[in-house]
Amino acid sequence: MEKDIDEKYYLTTSFYTYDNSGKRVFSNIKDSNIKYIVDYQKYLKGGVCGYNPTDKFNQTSRLFSPLGIAPTITASNTANNCKIVIEEGE
């Protein structure tokens, strides 16, 4: 993965809160009603590590760790494709 990514591709800042189960909750930069919930233990293992509970499609609601395998970009006609969680400073 590229190290220097233009900020226009970022969905959130590095600020997060915790939900009742201890998972990290990030808010979308442009719409604070959109949340991303990340399980840090799953992040460290790789693969699916979180989800967007407001997304209506199961496939596009998933968040992936760069430490595992993520799907390729889908052929759908949408800007809402694969989301990869990165730690600040990675």
C-alpha atoms as a PDB file:
ATOM      1  CA  MET A   1       0.000   0.000   0.000  1.00  0.00           C
ATOM      2  CA  GLU A   2       1.101   3.544  -0.653  1.00  0.00           C
ATOM      3  CA  LYS A   3       2.437   5.462   2.355  1.00  0.00           C
ATOM      4  CA  ASP A   4       1.390   8.995   1.328  1.00  0.00           C
ATOM      5  CA  ILE A   5      -2.367   9.125   0.718  1.00  0.00           C
ATOM      6  CA  ASP A   6      -4.176  12.328  -0.171  1.00  0.00           C
ATOM      7  CA  GLU A   7      -6.468  13.348   2.707  1.00  0.00           C
ATOM      8  CA  LYS A   8      -9.462  13.516   0.355  1.00  0.00           C
ATOM      9  CA  TYR A   9      -9.549   9.696   0.539  1.00  0.00           C
ATOM     10  CA  TYR A  10      -9.801   9.600   4.335  1.00  0.00           C
ATOM     11  CA  LEU A  11     -13.223   8.886   5.830  1.00  0.00           C
ATOM     12  CA  THR A  12     -12.389   9.831   9.439  1.00  0.00           C
ATOM     13  CA  THR A  13      -9.803  11.537  11.607  1.00  0.00           C
ATOM     14  CA  SER A  14      -7.772   9.522  14.106  1.00  0.00           C
ATOM     15  CA  PHE A  15     -10.118  10.586  16.953  1.00  0.00           C
ATOM     16  CA  TYR A  16     -12.382   7.830  18.278  1.00  0.00           C
ATOM     17  CA  THR A  17     -14.611   6.921  21.209  1.00  0.00           C
ATOM     18  CA  TYR A  18     -15.539   3.501  22.597  1.00  0.00           C
ATOM     19  CA  ASP A  19     -18.868   1.709  22.441  1.00  0.00           C
ATOM     20  CA  ASN A  20     -20.276  -0.442  25.275  1.00  0.00           C
ATOM     21  CA  SER A  21     -18.347  -3.522  24.102  1.00  0.00           C
ATOM     22  CA  GLY A  22     -14.981  -1.714  23.998  1.00  0.00           C
ATOM     23  CA  LYS A  23     -14.828  -1.348  20.220  1.00  0.00           C
ATOM     24  CA  ARG A  24     -13.506   1.874  18.730  1.00  0.00           C
ATOM     25  CA  VAL A  25     -16.077   4.154  17.081  1.00  0.00           C
ATOM     26  CA  PHE A  26     -14.991   6.664  14.441  1.00  0.00           C
ATOM     27  CA  SER A  27     -17.242   9.331  12.872  1.00  0.00           C
ATOM     28  CA  ASN A  28     -17.239  10.175   9.186  1.00  0.00           C
ATOM     29  CA  ILE A  29     -15.544  13.519   8.429  1.00  0.00           C
ATOM     30  CA  LYS A  30     -18.357  14.775   6.189  1.00  0.00           C
ATOM     31  CA  ASP A  31     -21.357  13.246   7.972  1.00  0.00           C
ATOM     32  CA  SER A  32     -21.155  12.684  11.751  1.00  0.00           C
ATOM     33  CA  ASN A  33     -24.213  10.380  11.574  1.00  0.00           C
ATOM     34  CA  ILE A  34     -22.077   7.788   9.754  1.00  0.00           C
ATOM     35  CA  LYS A  35     -20.059   5.682  12.202  1.00  0.00           C
ATOM     36  CA  TYR A  36     -17.350   3.085  11.709  1.00  0.00           C
ATOM     37  CA  ILE A  37     -16.938   0.476  14.459  1.00  0.00           C
ATOM     38  CA  VAL A  38     -13.541  -1.227  14.686  1.00  0.00           C
ATOM     39  CA  ASP A  39     -12.535  -4.207  16.828  1.00  0.00           C
ATOM     40  CA  TYR A  40      -8.826  -3.586  17.438  1.00  0.00           C
ATOM     41  CA  GLN A  41      -8.093  -7.250  18.280  1.00  0.00           C
ATOM     42  CA  LYS A  42      -9.511  -8.287  14.888  1.00  0.00           C
ATOM     43  CA  TYR A  43      -7.538  -5.449  13.274  1.00  0.00           C
ATOM     44  CA  LEU A  44      -4.309  -6.994  14.600  1.00  0.00           C
ATOM     45  CA  LYS A  45      -5.281 -10.424  13.202  1.00  0.00           C
ATOM     46  CA  GLY A  46      -6.094  -9.101   9.712  1.00  0.00           C
ATOM     47  CA  GLY A  47      -9.158  -9.484   7.527  1.00  0.00           C
ATOM     48  CA  VAL A  48     -12.545  -8.015   8.442  1.00  0.00           C
ATOM     49  CA  CYS A  49     -12.057  -5.885  11.562  1.00  0.00           C
ATOM     50  CA  GLY A  50     -15.100  -3.624  11.643  1.00  0.00           C
ATOM     51  CA  TYR A  51     -18.258  -2.375   9.998  1.00  0.00           C
ATOM     52  CA  ASN A  52     -20.433   0.612   9.236  1.00  0.00           C
ATOM     53  CA  PRO A  53     -23.828  -0.071  10.868  1.00  0.00           C
ATOM     54  CA  THR A  54     -25.554   2.588   8.737  1.00  0.00           C
ATOM     55  CA  ASP A  55     -24.578   1.029   5.390  1.00  0.00           C
ATOM     56  CA  LYS A  56     -27.452  -0.894   3.826  1.00  0.00           C
ATOM     57  CA  PHE A  57     -25.259  -3.369   1.910  1.00  0.00           C
ATOM     58  CA  ASN A  58     -23.370  -6.073   3.802  1.00  0.00           C
ATOM     59  CA  GLN A  59     -20.358  -6.099   1.468  1.00  0.00           C
ATOM     60  CA  THR A  60     -19.762  -2.330   1.534  1.00  0.00           C
ATOM     61  CA  SER A  61     -20.334  -2.076   5.296  1.00  0.00           C
ATOM     62  CA  ARG A  62     -17.218  -4.138   6.091  1.00  0.00           C
ATOM     63  CA  LEU A  63     -13.920  -2.585   7.181  1.00  0.00           C
ATOM     64  CA  PHE A  64     -10.651  -4.417   6.532  1.00  0.00           C
ATOM     65  CA  SER A  65      -7.268  -4.491   8.214  1.00  0.00           C
ATOM     66  CA  PRO A  66      -4.182  -3.918   6.017  1.00  0.00           C
ATOM     67  CA  LEU A  67      -2.589  -6.778   7.986  1.00  0.00           C
ATOM     68  CA  GLY A  68      -4.712  -9.373   6.184  1.00  0.00           C
ATOM     69  CA  ILE A  69      -6.577 -10.000   2.962  1.00  0.00           C
ATOM     70  CA  ALA A  70      -9.132  -7.536   1.574  1.00  0.00           C
ATOM     71  CA  PRO A  71     -11.283  -7.890  -1.540  1.00  0.00           C
ATOM     72  CA  THR A  72     -10.474  -6.190  -4.795  1.00  0.00           C
ATOM     73  CA  ILE A  73     -12.480  -3.173  -5.898  1.00  0.00           C
ATOM     74  CA  THR A  74     -15.944  -4.267  -6.970  1.00  0.00           C
ATOM     75  CA  ALA A  75     -17.435  -3.526 -10.370  1.00  0.00           C
ATOM     76  CA  SER A  76     -20.395  -1.736  -8.827  1.00  0.00           C
ATOM     77  CA  ASN A  77     -21.192   1.794  -9.905  1.00  0.00           C
ATOM     78  CA  THR A  78     -20.676   3.360  -6.493  1.00  0.00           C
ATOM     79  CA  ALA A  79     -18.069   5.313  -4.571  1.00  0.00           C
ATOM     80  CA  ASN A  80     -18.844   3.183  -1.510  1.00  0.00           C
ATOM     81  CA  ASN A  81     -16.391   0.319  -2.016  1.00  0.00           C
ATOM     82  CA  CYS A  82     -13.776  -1.474   0.073  1.00  0.00           C
ATOM     83  CA  LYS A  83     -12.642   0.437   3.182  1.00  0.00           C
ATOM     84  CA  ILE A  84      -9.269  -0.299   4.784  1.00  0.00           C
ATOM     85  CA  VAL A  85      -8.536   0.774   8.360  1.00  0.00           C
ATOM     86  CA  ILE A  86      -5.068   2.235   8.914  1.00  0.00           C
ATOM     87  CA  GLU A  87      -3.401   3.369  12.085  1.00  0.00           C
ATOM     88  CA  GLU A  88      -2.022   6.883  12.173  1.00  0.00           C
ATOM     89  CA  GLY A  89       1.668   6.785  11.380  1.00  0.00           C
ATOM     90  CA  GLU A  90       1.458   3.555   9.391  1.00  0.00           C
END
